[in-house]
Amino acid sequence: MRKRMEYPELKRIVKAQKEQWNAKIVLIEDKSSGTQLIQDLRAENLSAVQGVKPEGDKVMRMQEQTAAIENGYVRFPKEAPWLDTYLDELTGFPKSKYKDQVDSTSQALAWIADKGRDPAMLVYYKELMMKNNN
């Protein structure tokens, strides 16, 4: 989702997106208003929230993830209403007008490489097996 919003709406949207997508983990940049958002959501027992403390600048962070994208380890949908805008920002980086989606992508990929325990497909099949066994 790309939208500029004030803090109360941001908090509502994060909670709604977590529910809509049944997210197990919600990554939030632990900087500026993100720090307050993390604290508030945790105070409301939203245990899925994890703070991300980025290292270096946006360009450096994305350079570290470029090989994963170029080597096909990151998959994109064939069609999505947001895809053209996202890919324009990604391929135009660092000269594109907007950089937030690129930055969140690089931080998510770094988190997955560092702390992600299992590949998403493996998690999906484990959860499917658990549902079928119950």
C-alpha atoms as a PDB file:
ATOM      1  CA  MET A   1       0.000   0.000   0.000  1.00  0.00           C
ATOM      2  CA  ARG A   2       1.279   3.410  -0.868  1.00  0.00           C
ATOM      3  CA  LYS A   3      -0.409   6.301   0.875  1.00  0.00           C
ATOM      4  CA  ARG A   4       0.708   9.282   2.918  1.00  0.00           C
ATOM      5  CA  MET A   5      -1.189   9.278   6.193  1.00  0.00           C
ATOM      6  CA  GLU A   6      -1.230  10.708   9.673  1.00  0.00           C
ATOM      7  CA  TYR A   7      -0.245   8.482  12.599  1.00  0.00           C
ATOM      8  CA  PRO A   8      -3.741   7.378  13.776  1.00  0.00           C
ATOM      9  CA  GLU A   9      -4.677   6.254  10.262  1.00  0.00           C
ATOM     10  CA  LEU A  10      -1.278   4.569   9.796  1.00  0.00           C
ATOM     11  CA  LYS A  11      -1.821   2.544  12.962  1.00  0.00           C
ATOM     12  CA  ARG A  12      -5.312   1.472  11.840  1.00  0.00           C
ATOM     13  CA  ILE A  13      -4.052   0.549   8.374  1.00  0.00           C
ATOM     14  CA  VAL A  14      -1.151  -1.548   9.707  1.00  0.00           C
ATOM     15  CA  LYS A  15      -3.563  -3.530  11.875  1.00  0.00           C
ATOM     16  CA  ALA A  16      -6.043  -3.943   9.011  1.00  0.00           C
ATOM     17  CA  GLN A  17      -3.322  -5.069   6.582  1.00  0.00           C
ATOM     18  CA  LYS A  18      -2.002  -7.571   9.111  1.00  0.00           C
ATOM     19  CA  GLU A  19      -5.483  -9.073   9.395  1.00  0.00           C
ATOM     20  CA  GLN A  20      -6.273  -8.913   5.683  1.00  0.00           C
ATOM     21  CA  TRP A  21      -3.113 -10.795   4.732  1.00  0.00           C
ATOM     22  CA  ASN A  22      -2.988 -12.986   7.848  1.00  0.00           C
ATOM     23  CA  ALA A  23       0.598 -11.831   8.364  1.00  0.00           C
ATOM     24  CA  LYS A  24       2.696 -13.754  10.846  1.00  0.00           C
ATOM     25  CA  ILE A  25       5.307 -10.977  10.968  1.00  0.00           C
ATOM     26  CA  VAL A  26       4.870  -7.228  10.510  1.00  0.00           C
ATOM     27  CA  LEU A  27       8.146  -5.424   9.863  1.00  0.00           C
ATOM     28  CA  ILE A  28       8.268  -1.752  10.815  1.00  0.00           C
ATOM     29  CA  GLU A  29      11.294   0.496  10.468  1.00  0.00           C
ATOM     30  CA  ASP A  30      12.412   1.288  14.014  1.00  0.00           C
ATOM     31  CA  LYS A  31      13.079   4.965  13.366  1.00  0.00           C
ATOM     32  CA  SER A  32      11.088   8.179  13.803  1.00  0.00           C
ATOM     33  CA  SER A  33       7.331   7.507  13.941  1.00  0.00           C
ATOM     34  CA  GLY A  34       7.986   3.797  13.364  1.00  0.00           C
ATOM     35  CA  THR A  35       9.435   3.463  16.869  1.00  0.00           C
ATOM     36  CA  GLN A  36       6.241   4.853  18.415  1.00  0.00           C
ATOM     37  CA  LEU A  37       4.125   2.654  16.144  1.00  0.00           C
ATOM     38  CA  ILE A  38       6.020  -0.458  17.248  1.00  0.00           C
ATOM     39  CA  GLN A  39       5.555   0.447  20.912  1.00  0.00           C
ATOM     40  CA  ASP A  40       1.847   1.200  20.524  1.00  0.00           C
ATOM     41  CA  LEU A  41       1.081  -1.978  18.576  1.00  0.00           C
ATOM     42  CA  ARG A  42       2.999  -4.122  21.044  1.00  0.00           C
ATOM     43  CA  ALA A  43       1.111  -2.451  23.901  1.00  0.00           C
ATOM     44  CA  GLU A  44      -2.059  -3.616  22.140  1.00  0.00           C
ATOM     45  CA  ASN A  45      -0.671  -7.189  22.121  1.00  0.00           C
ATOM     46  CA  LEU A  46       0.116  -7.274  18.427  1.00  0.00           C
ATOM     47  CA  SER A  47       3.023  -9.662  18.921  1.00  0.00           C
ATOM     48  CA  ALA A  48       3.665 -10.042  15.162  1.00  0.00           C
ATOM     49  CA  VAL A  49       5.367  -6.634  15.116  1.00  0.00           C
ATOM     50  CA  GLN A  50       9.128  -6.654  14.675  1.00  0.00           C
ATOM     51  CA  GLY A  51      11.281  -3.554  14.463  1.00  0.00           C
ATOM     52  CA  VAL A  52      13.856  -3.260  11.712  1.00  0.00           C
ATOM     53  CA  LYS A  53      16.887  -1.061  12.332  1.00  0.00           C
ATOM     54  CA  PRO A  54      18.295  -0.242   8.915  1.00  0.00           C
ATOM     55  CA  GLU A  55      22.047   0.019   8.466  1.00  0.00           C
ATOM     56  CA  GLY A  56      23.627   2.412   6.004  1.00  0.00           C
ATOM     57  CA  ASP A  57      21.727   4.474   3.474  1.00  0.00           C
ATOM     58  CA  LYS A  58      18.950   3.424   1.089  1.00  0.00           C
ATOM     59  CA  VAL A  59      21.294   2.999  -1.881  1.00  0.00           C
ATOM     60  CA  MET A  60      23.682   0.763   0.049  1.00  0.00           C
ATOM     61  CA  ARG A  61      20.814  -1.345   1.423  1.00  0.00           C
ATOM     62  CA  MET A  62      19.373  -1.895  -2.044  1.00  0.00           C
ATOM     63  CA  GLN A  63      22.771  -2.692  -3.562  1.00  0.00           C
ATOM     64  CA  GLU A  64      23.099  -5.510  -1.026  1.00  0.00           C
ATOM     65  CA  GLN A  65      19.823  -7.036  -2.297  1.00  0.00           C
ATOM     66  CA  THR A  66      20.273  -6.510  -6.032  1.00  0.00           C
ATOM     67  CA  ALA A  67      21.932  -9.898  -6.636  1.00  0.00           C
ATOM     68  CA  ALA A  68      18.993 -11.744  -5.036  1.00  0.00           C
ATOM     69  CA  ILE A  69      16.588  -9.985  -7.404  1.00  0.00           C
ATOM     70  CA  GLU A  70      18.802 -10.372 -10.496  1.00  0.00           C
ATOM     71  CA  ASN A  71      19.361 -14.086  -9.777  1.00  0.00           C
ATOM     72  CA  GLY A  72      15.618 -14.754  -9.626  1.00  0.00           C
ATOM     73  CA  TYR A  73      15.304 -15.333  -5.876  1.00  0.00           C
ATOM     74  CA  VAL A  74      12.608 -12.670  -5.696  1.00  0.00           C
ATOM     75  CA  ARG A  75       9.387 -13.338  -7.563  1.00  0.00           C
ATOM     76  CA  PHE A  76       6.914 -10.762  -8.769  1.00  0.00           C
ATOM     77  CA  PRO A  77       3.323 -11.415  -9.830  1.00  0.00           C
ATOM     78  CA  LYS A  78       2.534 -11.367 -13.552  1.00  0.00           C
ATOM     79  CA  GLU A  79      -0.331  -8.954 -12.908  1.00  0.00           C
ATOM     80  CA  ALA A  80      -1.323  -6.685 -10.022  1.00  0.00           C
ATOM     81  CA  PRO A  81      -2.874  -3.199  -9.879  1.00  0.00           C
ATOM     82  CA  TRP A  82       0.224  -1.854  -8.120  1.00  0.00           C
ATOM     83  CA  LEU A  83       2.883  -3.706 -10.144  1.00  0.00           C
ATOM     84  CA  ASP A  84       3.731  -1.081 -12.793  1.00  0.00           C
ATOM     85  CA  THR A  85       4.189   1.670 -10.226  1.00  0.00           C
ATOM     86  CA  TYR A  86       6.273  -0.599  -7.998  1.00  0.00           C
ATOM     87  CA  LEU A  87       8.525  -1.781 -10.828  1.00  0.00           C
ATOM     88  CA  ASP A  88       8.985   1.801 -12.083  1.00  0.00           C
ATOM     89  CA  GLU A  89      10.174   2.818  -8.623  1.00  0.00           C
ATOM     90  CA  LEU A  90      12.398  -0.234  -8.293  1.00  0.00           C
ATOM     91  CA  THR A  91      14.038   0.063 -11.710  1.00  0.00           C
ATOM     92  CA  GLY A  92      14.339   3.849 -11.524  1.00  0.00           C
ATOM     93  CA  PHE A  93      16.058   3.762  -8.133  1.00  0.00           C
ATOM     94  CA  PRO A  94      17.943   5.783  -6.914  1.00  0.00           C
ATOM     95  CA  LYS A  95      16.851   8.496  -9.356  1.00  0.00           C
ATOM     96  CA  SER A  96      13.110   7.800  -9.030  1.00  0.00           C
ATOM     97  CA  LYS A  97      10.966  10.393  -7.268  1.00  0.00           C
ATOM     98  CA  TYR A  98       9.767   7.903  -4.670  1.00  0.00           C
ATOM     99  CA  LYS A  99      12.021   5.515  -2.765  1.00  0.00           C
ATOM    100  CA  ASP A 100       9.927   4.138   0.102  1.00  0.00           C
ATOM    101  CA  GLN A 101       8.862   0.917  -1.615  1.00  0.00           C
ATOM    102  CA  VAL A 102      12.442   0.210  -2.684  1.00  0.00           C
ATOM    103  CA  ASP A 103      13.652   0.818   0.845  1.00  0.00           C
ATOM    104  CA  SER A 104      11.010  -1.412   2.411  1.00  0.00           C
ATOM    105  CA  THR A 105      11.803  -4.104  -0.168  1.00  0.00           C
ATOM    106  CA  SER A 106      15.516  -4.020   0.644  1.00  0.00           C
ATOM    107  CA  GLN A 107      14.809  -4.150   4.380  1.00  0.00           C
ATOM    108  CA  ALA A 108      12.371  -7.055   3.996  1.00  0.00           C
ATOM    109  CA  LEU A 109      14.829  -9.015   1.852  1.00  0.00           C
ATOM    110  CA  ALA A 110      17.625  -8.378   4.360  1.00  0.00           C
ATOM    111  CA  TRP A 111      15.359  -9.526   7.203  1.00  0.00           C
ATOM    112  CA  ILE A 112      14.408 -12.682   5.304  1.00  0.00           C
ATOM    113  CA  ALA A 113      18.060 -13.500   4.601  1.00  0.00           C
ATOM    114  CA  ASP A 114      19.101 -12.831   8.197  1.00  0.00           C
ATOM    115  CA  LYS A 115      16.174 -13.884  10.369  1.00  0.00           C
ATOM    116  CA  GLY A 116      13.683 -15.642   8.138  1.00  0.00           C
ATOM    117  CA  ARG A 117      13.706 -19.232   9.310  1.00  0.00           C
ATOM    118  CA  ASP A 118      12.046 -21.083   6.478  1.00  0.00           C
ATOM    119  CA  PRO A 119      11.262 -20.178   2.874  1.00  0.00           C
ATOM    120  CA  ALA A 120       7.686 -18.964   2.462  1.00  0.00           C
ATOM    121  CA  MET A 121       6.661 -22.002   0.387  1.00  0.00           C
ATOM    122  CA  LEU A 122       7.904 -24.366   3.102  1.00  0.00           C
ATOM    123  CA  VAL A 123       5.962 -22.432   5.740  1.00  0.00           C
ATOM    124  CA  TYR A 124       2.842 -22.604   3.548  1.00  0.00           C
ATOM    125  CA  TYR A 125       3.070 -26.397   3.151  1.00  0.00           C
ATOM    126  CA  LYS A 126       3.770 -26.909   6.862  1.00  0.00           C
ATOM    127  CA  GLU A 127       0.661 -24.884   7.734  1.00  0.00           C
ATOM    128  CA  LEU A 128      -1.374 -26.790   5.153  1.00  0.00           C
ATOM    129  CA  MET A 129      -0.272 -30.097   6.661  1.00  0.00           C
ATOM    130  CA  MET A 130      -1.153 -28.884  10.150  1.00  0.00           C
ATOM    131  CA  LYS A 131      -4.667 -27.926   8.986  1.00  0.00           C
ATOM    132  CA  ASN A 132      -5.154 -31.295   7.320  1.00  0.00           C
ATOM    133  CA  ASN A 133      -3.978 -33.178  10.427  1.00  0.00           C
ATOM    134  CA  ASN A 134      -6.417 -31.367  12.737  1.00  0.00           C
END
